[in-house]
Amino acid sequence: MNSLFDGTKQMDDIEKIYNQMEANCPNPCSTSKKLWELRRACDISSHNVSSETLLEKAVAMLAARGHMPEWFNQCPVASGITDSSMSRQDSKAVNKKSCVDLVHWDKANKFARLVELKWDSDDQPKWESNDPISALKQILGYGATYIFCLVRKGQLNFPATSLIKMNASHVSLEVVASRRFYNGYNEGGRFARISKDLNRFAGSKTGGTLTMSLKALAFPDGFQIPFADGGEVKQKCGAPSLTPEGKEIRSAFDNLTQVWP
């Protein structure tokens, strides 16, 4: 029972990731009606204290209220994608949790940003696979999936609100994190090399209609998440009017600075 991502999670070469996806699903089909859907999933437990979740849900709520209108969250990138040889029952069990944290869609310029959101603080110790390199590999996997789906636009099932149907001319793959998340890492050369290979590969697979880039971005120095839990996020970002905390979140995302390359 193959997942589209089987054997790809430790790769940082876009062409190898893509080729492995083709090997996993040589005859892909999709049972999902939400593949690459631009949506705003605002639900959060009042007791949730995950920094990344608080940020993501804050953006979704602000977007739903019209304060950050070009932002979406929890975009399903591979939901329901399987090889057509698999049984329907098996196909329901794979690729269920593969979602991009945040998507920014600039309709006027046909510019999409896929964001892997990370945070690091004194009270949140690092754990395995919670570092810039792991985040890089994860967002590259989503970028490869975007190309995989775009190439098969006429073959897979996409909703009307799917990013695939928006015909983006450029897709930026971004790791967005607290500044300290990058401490101890100097990967500018790797990001520059991968970004160059990524753009070349995207152009070759789409006949030159798509360009892609890779960035590591940091929140402004001194920015702190202005919520202690999900209850505060709902109170401060779910309100009709833009609160001071909502303004902080919007400003933080408007003023990201590039770390690499």
C-alpha atoms as a PDB file:
ATOM      1  CA  MET A   1       0.000   0.000   0.000  1.00  0.00           C
ATOM      2  CA  ASN A   2       2.119   2.851  -1.296  1.00  0.00           C
ATOM      3  CA  SER A   3       1.952   6.437  -0.152  1.00  0.00           C
ATOM      4  CA  LEU A   4       2.995   9.124  -2.613  1.00  0.00           C
ATOM      5  CA  PHE A   5       5.706  10.100  -0.116  1.00  0.00           C
ATOM      6  CA  ASP A   6       7.177   6.642   0.494  1.00  0.00           C
ATOM      7  CA  GLY A   7      10.983   6.816   0.337  1.00  0.00           C
ATOM      8  CA  THR A   8      11.085  10.596  -0.176  1.00  0.00           C
ATOM      9  CA  LYS A   9      11.235  12.087   3.314  1.00  0.00           C
ATOM     10  CA  GLN A  10      15.024  12.111   3.631  1.00  0.00           C
ATOM     11  CA  MET A  11      15.615  13.530   0.135  1.00  0.00           C
ATOM     12  CA  ASP A  12      16.574  17.109  -0.705  1.00  0.00           C
ATOM     13  CA  ASP A  13      16.875  16.624  -4.471  1.00  0.00           C
ATOM     14  CA  ILE A  14      13.637  17.702  -6.182  1.00  0.00           C
ATOM     15  CA  GLU A  15      14.141  15.465  -9.207  1.00  0.00           C
ATOM     16  CA  LYS A  16      14.767  12.383  -7.063  1.00  0.00           C
ATOM     17  CA  ILE A  17      11.710  13.146  -4.939  1.00  0.00           C
ATOM     18  CA  TYR A  18       9.570  13.518  -8.044  1.00  0.00           C
ATOM     19  CA  ASN A  19      10.912  10.328  -9.646  1.00  0.00           C
ATOM     20  CA  GLN A  20      10.202   8.381  -6.451  1.00  0.00           C
ATOM     21  CA  MET A  21       6.644   9.717  -6.462  1.00  0.00           C
ATOM     22  CA  GLU A  22       6.212   8.489 -10.011  1.00  0.00           C
ATOM     23  CA  ALA A  23       7.517   5.075  -8.963  1.00  0.00           C
ATOM     24  CA  ASN A  24       5.105   5.015  -6.013  1.00  0.00           C
ATOM     25  CA  CYS A  25       2.092   5.985  -8.135  1.00  0.00           C
ATOM     26  CA  PRO A  26       2.771   5.258 -11.814  1.00  0.00           C
ATOM     27  CA  ASN A  27      -0.955   5.451 -12.584  1.00  0.00           C
ATOM     28  CA  PRO A  28      -2.255   7.959 -10.027  1.00  0.00           C
ATOM     29  CA  CYS A  29      -5.866   8.576  -9.201  1.00  0.00           C
ATOM     30  CA  SER A  30      -7.538  10.535  -6.424  1.00  0.00           C
ATOM     31  CA  THR A  31     -10.507   9.731  -4.224  1.00  0.00           C
ATOM     32  CA  SER A  32     -10.480  13.170  -2.579  1.00  0.00           C
ATOM     33  CA  LYS A  33     -12.681  16.137  -3.362  1.00  0.00           C
ATOM     34  CA  LYS A  34     -10.352  18.529  -1.503  1.00  0.00           C
ATOM     35  CA  LEU A  35      -7.004  18.059  -3.248  1.00  0.00           C
ATOM     36  CA  TRP A  36      -5.038  21.341  -3.053  1.00  0.00           C
ATOM     37  CA  GLU A  37      -8.172  23.117  -1.842  1.00  0.00           C
ATOM     38  CA  LEU A  38      -7.665  26.700  -0.671  1.00  0.00           C
ATOM     39  CA  ARG A  39      -9.466  26.676   2.648  1.00  0.00           C
ATOM     40  CA  ARG A  40      -9.469  28.173   6.133  1.00  0.00           C
ATOM     41  CA  ALA A  41      -9.574  25.578   8.873  1.00  0.00           C
ATOM     42  CA  CYS A  42     -10.115  27.696  12.002  1.00  0.00           C
ATOM     43  CA  ASP A  43     -10.978  24.994  14.534  1.00  0.00           C
ATOM     44  CA  ILE A  44      -8.665  24.803  17.561  1.00  0.00           C
ATOM     45  CA  SER A  45      -8.999  23.475  21.073  1.00  0.00           C
ATOM     46  CA  SER A  46      -9.028  26.149  23.770  1.00  0.00           C
ATOM     47  CA  HIS A  47      -6.348  24.136  25.588  1.00  0.00           C
ATOM     48  CA  ASN A  48      -3.975  23.841  22.615  1.00  0.00           C
ATOM     49  CA  VAL A  49      -0.607  25.433  23.427  1.00  0.00           C
ATOM     50  CA  SER A  50       1.403  24.389  20.348  1.00  0.00           C
ATOM     51  CA  SER A  51       3.185  27.530  19.142  1.00  0.00           C
ATOM     52  CA  GLU A  52       2.996  26.563  15.478  1.00  0.00           C
ATOM     53  CA  THR A  53      -0.698  25.719  15.710  1.00  0.00           C
ATOM     54  CA  LEU A  54      -1.482  28.981  17.487  1.00  0.00           C
ATOM     55  CA  LEU A  55       0.227  30.939  14.707  1.00  0.00           C
ATOM     56  CA  GLU A  56      -1.392  28.961  11.917  1.00  0.00           C
ATOM     57  CA  LYS A  57      -4.906  29.213  13.355  1.00  0.00           C
ATOM     58  CA  ALA A  58      -4.456  32.911  14.107  1.00  0.00           C
ATOM     59  CA  VAL A  59      -3.687  33.535  10.425  1.00  0.00           C
ATOM     60  CA  ALA A  60      -6.665  31.416   9.328  1.00  0.00           C
ATOM     61  CA  MET A  61      -9.057  33.297  11.616  1.00  0.00           C
ATOM     62  CA  LEU A  62      -7.735  36.694  10.568  1.00  0.00           C
ATOM     63  CA  ALA A  63      -8.070  35.635   6.927  1.00  0.00           C
ATOM     64  CA  ALA A  64     -11.641  34.433   7.473  1.00  0.00           C
ATOM     65  CA  ARG A  65     -12.463  37.853   8.971  1.00  0.00           C
ATOM     66  CA  GLY A  66     -10.974  39.632   5.946  1.00  0.00           C
ATOM     67  CA  HIS A  67      -7.891  40.965   7.747  1.00  0.00           C
ATOM     68  CA  MET A  68      -5.413  38.731   5.877  1.00  0.00           C
ATOM     69  CA  PRO A  69      -7.546  37.865   2.818  1.00  0.00           C
ATOM     70  CA  GLU A  70      -4.896  36.178   0.682  1.00  0.00           C
ATOM     71  CA  TRP A  71      -3.997  33.564   3.316  1.00  0.00           C
ATOM     72  CA  PHE A  72      -5.235  29.982   3.694  1.00  0.00           C
ATOM     73  CA  ASN A  73      -4.210  27.036   5.880  1.00  0.00           C
ATOM     74  CA  GLN A  74      -4.144  23.238   6.031  1.00  0.00           C
ATOM     75  CA  CYS A  75      -4.115  22.849   2.247  1.00  0.00           C
ATOM     76  CA  PRO A  76      -4.315  19.090   1.421  1.00  0.00           C
ATOM     77  CA  VAL A  77      -1.523  18.361  -1.052  1.00  0.00           C
ATOM     78  CA  ALA A  78      -1.895  14.603  -1.537  1.00  0.00           C
ATOM     79  CA  SER A  79      -5.205  13.637   0.021  1.00  0.00           C
ATOM     80  CA  GLY A  80      -6.585  10.533  -1.654  1.00  0.00           C
ATOM     81  CA  ILE A  81      -3.778  10.166  -4.207  1.00  0.00           C
ATOM     82  CA  THR A  82      -2.977   6.509  -4.835  1.00  0.00           C
ATOM     83  CA  ASP A  83      -2.080   4.258  -7.691  1.00  0.00           C
ATOM     84  CA  SER A  84      -5.163   3.198  -9.637  1.00  0.00           C
ATOM     85  CA  SER A  85      -4.255  -0.455  -9.039  1.00  0.00           C
ATOM     86  CA  MET A  86      -4.993  -0.076  -5.310  1.00  0.00           C
ATOM     87  CA  SER A  87      -8.341  -1.049  -3.857  1.00  0.00           C
ATOM     88  CA  ARG A  88     -10.670   1.737  -2.812  1.00  0.00           C
ATOM     89  CA  GLN A  89     -10.447   0.617   0.820  1.00  0.00           C
ATOM     90  CA  ASP A  90      -6.651   0.756   0.810  1.00  0.00           C
ATOM     91  CA  SER A  91      -6.625   4.128  -0.929  1.00  0.00           C
ATOM     92  CA  LYS A  92      -8.541   5.724   1.944  1.00  0.00           C
ATOM     93  CA  ALA A  93      -5.728   4.901   4.358  1.00  0.00           C
ATOM     94  CA  VAL A  94      -2.875   6.821   2.702  1.00  0.00           C
ATOM     95  CA  ASN A  95      -1.857  10.461   2.276  1.00  0.00           C
ATOM     96  CA  LYS A  96      -4.457  11.669   4.766  1.00  0.00           C
ATOM     97  CA  LYS A  97      -2.380  14.126   6.799  1.00  0.00           C
ATOM     98  CA  SER A  98      -0.257  15.738   4.100  1.00  0.00           C
ATOM     99  CA  CYS A  99      -1.193  19.399   4.352  1.00  0.00           C
ATOM    100  CA  VAL A 100       0.757  22.611   3.827  1.00  0.00           C
ATOM    101  CA  ASP A 101       0.573  24.713   6.994  1.00  0.00           C
ATOM    102  CA  LEU A 102      -0.118  27.997   5.190  1.00  0.00           C
ATOM    103  CA  VAL A 103      -0.696  29.100   1.603  1.00  0.00           C
ATOM    104  CA  HIS A 104      -0.594  32.674   0.371  1.00  0.00           C
ATOM    105  CA  TRP A 105      -2.265  33.199  -2.997  1.00  0.00           C
ATOM    106  CA  ASP A 106      -1.697  36.467  -4.855  1.00  0.00           C
ATOM    107  CA  LYS A 107      -4.327  36.185  -7.573  1.00  0.00           C
ATOM    108  CA  ALA A 108      -3.353  39.374  -9.401  1.00  0.00           C
ATOM    109  CA  ASN A 109       0.229  38.247  -9.915  1.00  0.00           C
ATOM    110  CA  LYS A 110      -0.451  34.480 -10.071  1.00  0.00           C
ATOM    111  CA  PHE A 111       2.040  34.028  -7.243  1.00  0.00           C
ATOM    112  CA  ALA A 112       1.669  31.286  -4.643  1.00  0.00           C
ATOM    113  CA  ARG A 113       3.618  30.731  -1.434  1.00  0.00           C
ATOM    114  CA  LEU A 114       3.659  27.357   0.314  1.00  0.00           C
ATOM    115  CA  VAL A 115       4.719  27.797   3.933  1.00  0.00           C
ATOM    116  CA  GLU A 116       6.114  25.261   6.385  1.00  0.00           C
ATOM    117  CA  LEU A 117       5.672  26.996   9.744  1.00  0.00           C
ATOM    118  CA  LYS A 118       8.150  26.471  12.600  1.00  0.00           C
ATOM    119  CA  TRP A 119       8.840  28.022  15.983  1.00  0.00           C
ATOM    120  CA  ASP A 120      11.548  27.686  18.609  1.00  0.00           C
ATOM    121  CA  SER A 121      11.708  29.084  22.133  1.00  0.00           C
ATOM    122  CA  ASP A 122      13.314  28.413  25.502  1.00  0.00           C
ATOM    123  CA  ASP A 123      10.292  26.465  26.736  1.00  0.00           C
ATOM    124  CA  GLN A 124      10.036  24.398  23.541  1.00  0.00           C
ATOM    125  CA  PRO A 125      13.117  22.146  23.225  1.00  0.00           C
ATOM    126  CA  LYS A 126      14.123  20.773  19.879  1.00  0.00           C
ATOM    127  CA  TRP A 127      13.108  17.254  19.046  1.00  0.00           C
ATOM    128  CA  GLU A 128      14.108  14.917  16.268  1.00  0.00           C
ATOM    129  CA  SER A 129      13.141  16.231  12.829  1.00  0.00           C
ATOM    130  CA  ASN A 130      12.422  19.713  14.168  1.00  0.00           C
ATOM    131  CA  ASP A 131      15.233  21.650  12.528  1.00  0.00           C
ATOM    132  CA  PRO A 132      15.767  23.747   9.368  1.00  0.00           C
ATOM    133  CA  ILE A 133      16.994  20.816   7.274  1.00  0.00           C
ATOM    134  CA  SER A 134      13.988  18.657   8.130  1.00  0.00           C
ATOM    135  CA  ALA A 135      11.698  21.616   7.401  1.00  0.00           C
ATOM    136  CA  LEU A 136      13.471  22.095   4.062  1.00  0.00           C
ATOM    137  CA  LYS A 137      12.878  18.462   3.092  1.00  0.00           C
ATOM    138  CA  GLN A 138       9.235  18.692   4.070  1.00  0.00           C
ATOM    139  CA  ILE A 139       8.488  21.791   2.004  1.00  0.00           C
ATOM    140  CA  LEU A 140      10.427  20.336  -0.945  1.00  0.00           C
ATOM    141  CA  GLY A 141       8.181  17.294  -0.768  1.00  0.00           C
ATOM    142  CA  TYR A 142       5.150  19.541  -1.025  1.00  0.00           C
ATOM    143  CA  GLY A 143       6.731  21.378  -3.951  1.00  0.00           C
ATOM    144  CA  ALA A 144       7.350  18.093  -5.758  1.00  0.00           C
ATOM    145  CA  THR A 145       3.739  17.108  -5.079  1.00  0.00           C
ATOM    146  CA  TYR A 146       2.536  20.391  -6.577  1.00  0.00           C
ATOM    147  CA  ILE A 147       4.453  19.692  -9.795  1.00  0.00           C
ATOM    148  CA  PHE A 148       3.275  16.055  -9.767  1.00  0.00           C
ATOM    149  CA  CYS A 149      -0.356  17.181  -9.529  1.00  0.00           C
ATOM    150  CA  LEU A 150       0.017  20.044 -12.006  1.00  0.00           C
ATOM    151  CA  VAL A 151       1.449  17.725 -14.651  1.00  0.00           C
ATOM    152  CA  ARG A 152      -1.577  15.456 -14.073  1.00  0.00           C
ATOM    153  CA  LYS A 153      -4.131  18.263 -13.958  1.00  0.00           C
ATOM    154  CA  GLY A 154      -6.416  16.488 -16.401  1.00  0.00           C
ATOM    155  CA  GLN A 155      -6.047  13.136 -14.696  1.00  0.00           C
ATOM    156  CA  LEU A 156      -6.685  13.875 -11.018  1.00  0.00           C
ATOM    157  CA  ASN A 157      -9.783  15.239  -9.335  1.00  0.00           C
ATOM    158  CA  PHE A 158      -9.510  18.851  -8.105  1.00  0.00           C
ATOM    159  CA  PRO A 159     -12.196  21.098  -6.594  1.00  0.00           C
ATOM    160  CA  ALA A 160     -12.960  24.466  -8.167  1.00  0.00           C
ATOM    161  CA  THR A 161     -11.095  26.148  -5.292  1.00  0.00           C
ATOM    162  CA  SER A 162      -7.925  24.086  -5.803  1.00  0.00           C
ATOM    163  CA  LEU A 163      -4.615  25.936  -6.075  1.00  0.00           C
ATOM    164  CA  ILE A 164      -3.787  23.665  -9.016  1.00  0.00           C
ATOM    165  CA  LYS A 165      -6.640  25.267 -10.960  1.00  0.00           C
ATOM    166  CA  MET A 166      -5.385  28.797 -10.260  1.00  0.00           C
ATOM    167  CA  ASN A 167      -2.607  28.481 -12.857  1.00  0.00           C
ATOM    168  CA  ALA A 168       0.159  29.985 -10.746  1.00  0.00           C
ATOM    169  CA  SER A 169       3.108  31.308 -12.720  1.00  0.00           C
ATOM    170  CA  HIS A 170       5.411  31.136  -9.679  1.00  0.00           C
ATOM    171  CA  VAL A 171       5.419  29.033  -6.514  1.00  0.00           C
ATOM    172  CA  SER A 172       7.668  29.980  -3.613  1.00  0.00           C
ATOM    173  CA  LEU A 173       8.492  27.197  -1.144  1.00  0.00           C
ATOM    174  CA  GLU A 174       9.144  28.779   2.243  1.00  0.00           C
ATOM    175  CA  VAL A 175      10.241  27.758   5.696  1.00  0.00           C
ATOM    176  CA  VAL A 176       8.952  30.471   8.045  1.00  0.00           C
ATOM    177  CA  ALA A 177      10.219  30.356  11.620  1.00  0.00           C
ATOM    178  CA  SER A 178      11.400  32.269  14.644  1.00  0.00           C
ATOM    179  CA  ARG A 179      14.907  33.659  14.198  1.00  0.00           C
ATOM    180  CA  ARG A 180      16.339  31.352  16.845  1.00  0.00           C
ATOM    181  CA  PHE A 181      15.035  28.287  14.969  1.00  0.00           C
ATOM    182  CA  TYR A 182      17.934  28.827  12.547  1.00  0.00           C
ATOM    183  CA  ASN A 183      20.600  29.289  15.236  1.00  0.00           C
ATOM    184  CA  GLY A 184      23.563  26.964  14.769  1.00  0.00           C
ATOM    185  CA  TYR A 185      22.806  26.312  11.089  1.00  0.00           C
ATOM    186  CA  ASN A 186      24.480  27.917   8.091  1.00  0.00           C
ATOM    187  CA  GLU A 187      22.754  26.430   5.076  1.00  0.00           C
ATOM    188  CA  GLY A 188      22.723  29.341   2.644  1.00  0.00           C
ATOM    189  CA  GLY A 189      24.774  27.418   0.087  1.00  0.00           C
ATOM    190  CA  ARG A 190      22.491  24.410   0.242  1.00  0.00           C
ATOM    191  CA  PHE A 191      19.339  26.525  -0.096  1.00  0.00           C
ATOM    192  CA  ALA A 192      20.800  28.417  -3.078  1.00  0.00           C
ATOM    193  CA  ARG A 193      21.796  25.181  -4.849  1.00  0.00           C
ATOM    194  CA  ILE A 194      18.450  23.518  -4.214  1.00  0.00           C
ATOM    195  CA  SER A 195      16.534  26.625  -5.296  1.00  0.00           C
ATOM    196  CA  LYS A 196      18.412  26.710  -8.604  1.00  0.00           C
ATOM    197  CA  ASP A 197      17.754  23.008  -9.221  1.00  0.00           C
ATOM    198  CA  LEU A 198      14.133  23.454  -8.185  1.00  0.00           C
ATOM    199  CA  ASN A 199      13.490  26.251 -10.670  1.00  0.00           C
ATOM    200  CA  ARG A 200      15.207  24.356 -13.477  1.00  0.00           C
ATOM    201  CA  PHE A 201      13.205  21.215 -12.774  1.00  0.00           C
ATOM    202  CA  ALA A 202       9.862  23.046 -12.476  1.00  0.00           C
ATOM    203  CA  GLY A 203      10.449  24.704 -15.849  1.00  0.00           C
ATOM    204  CA  SER A 204      11.422  21.436 -17.538  1.00  0.00           C
ATOM    205  CA  LYS A 205       8.330  19.579 -16.263  1.00  0.00           C
ATOM    206  CA  THR A 206       5.858  22.345 -17.168  1.00  0.00           C
ATOM    207  CA  GLY A 207       7.193  23.516 -20.499  1.00  0.00           C
ATOM    208  CA  GLY A 208       8.476  26.739 -18.979  1.00  0.00           C
ATOM    209  CA  THR A 209       5.090  27.870 -17.641  1.00  0.00           C
ATOM    210  CA  LEU A 210       6.091  27.608 -13.970  1.00  0.00           C
ATOM    211  CA  THR A 211       8.994  28.953 -11.946  1.00  0.00           C
ATOM    212  CA  MET A 212       9.751  27.949  -8.362  1.00  0.00           C
ATOM    213  CA  SER A 213      11.971  29.243  -5.588  1.00  0.00           C
ATOM    214  CA  LEU A 214      13.046  28.251  -2.091  1.00  0.00           C
ATOM    215  CA  LYS A 215      13.441  30.562   0.904  1.00  0.00           C
ATOM    216  CA  ALA A 216      14.156  30.415   4.609  1.00  0.00           C
ATOM    217  CA  LEU A 217      12.390  33.327   6.304  1.00  0.00           C
ATOM    218  CA  ALA A 218      12.351  34.609   9.880  1.00  0.00           C
ATOM    219  CA  PHE A 219       9.833  36.597  11.869  1.00  0.00           C
ATOM    220  CA  PRO A 220      10.956  40.109  12.922  1.00  0.00           C
ATOM    221  CA  ASP A 221      13.396  40.267  15.811  1.00  0.00           C
ATOM    222  CA  GLY A 222      11.541  40.582  19.075  1.00  0.00           C
ATOM    223  CA  PHE A 223       8.287  39.122  17.779  1.00  0.00           C
ATOM    224  CA  GLN A 224       6.589  36.869  20.308  1.00  0.00           C
ATOM    225  CA  ILE A 225       3.396  34.890  19.877  1.00  0.00           C
ATOM    226  CA  PRO A 226       0.752  37.020  21.647  1.00  0.00           C
ATOM    227  CA  PHE A 227      -1.386  34.087  22.827  1.00  0.00           C
ATOM    228  CA  ALA A 228      -0.982  31.499  25.573  1.00  0.00           C
ATOM    229  CA  ASP A 229      -3.462  28.968  24.183  1.00  0.00           C
ATOM    230  CA  GLY A 230      -6.151  28.282  21.607  1.00  0.00           C
ATOM    231  CA  GLY A 231      -8.776  30.046  23.678  1.00  0.00           C
ATOM    232  CA  GLU A 232      -6.884  33.310  23.400  1.00  0.00           C
ATOM    233  CA  VAL A 233      -6.426  32.826  19.656  1.00  0.00           C
ATOM    234  CA  LYS A 234     -10.197  32.475  19.218  1.00  0.00           C
ATOM    235  CA  GLN A 235     -10.834  35.514  21.404  1.00  0.00           C
ATOM    236  CA  LYS A 236      -8.228  37.782  19.811  1.00  0.00           C
ATOM    237  CA  CYS A 237      -8.351  36.696  16.158  1.00  0.00           C
ATOM    238  CA  GLY A 238     -11.909  35.431  15.754  1.00  0.00           C
ATOM    239  CA  ALA A 239     -13.394  38.815  16.635  1.00  0.00           C
ATOM    240  CA  PRO A 240     -15.003  40.902  13.845  1.00  0.00           C
ATOM    241  CA  SER A 241     -12.691  43.854  14.554  1.00  0.00           C
ATOM    242  CA  LEU A 242      -8.924  43.706  14.203  1.00  0.00           C
ATOM    243  CA  THR A 243      -7.422  43.529  17.697  1.00  0.00           C
ATOM    244  CA  PRO A 244      -3.904  44.630  18.713  1.00  0.00           C
ATOM    245  CA  GLU A 245      -2.889  40.956  18.803  1.00  0.00           C
ATOM    246  CA  GLY A 246      -4.293  40.443  15.329  1.00  0.00           C
ATOM    247  CA  LYS A 247      -2.308  43.438  14.115  1.00  0.00           C
ATOM    248  CA  GLU A 248       0.846  41.883  15.603  1.00  0.00           C
ATOM    249  CA  ILE A 249       0.311  38.673  13.663  1.00  0.00           C
ATOM    250  CA  ARG A 250      -0.446  40.463  10.412  1.00  0.00           C
ATOM    251  CA  SER A 251       2.567  42.731  10.815  1.00  0.00           C
ATOM    252  CA  ALA A 252       4.849  39.778  11.577  1.00  0.00           C
ATOM    253  CA  PHE A 253       3.874  38.030   8.346  1.00  0.00           C
ATOM    254  CA  ASP A 254       4.164  41.277   6.375  1.00  0.00           C
ATOM    255  CA  ASN A 255       7.712  41.837   7.626  1.00  0.00           C
ATOM    256  CA  LEU A 256       9.444  38.480   7.271  1.00  0.00           C
ATOM    257  CA  THR A 257      13.160  38.686   6.533  1.00  0.00           C
ATOM    258  CA  GLN A 258      15.191  36.297   4.448  1.00  0.00           C
ATOM    259  CA  VAL A 259      17.724  34.104   6.241  1.00  0.00           C
ATOM    260  CA  TRP A 260      18.894  31.978   3.271  1.00  0.00           C
ATOM    261  CA  PRO A 261      19.992  31.929   0.540  1.00  0.00           C
END
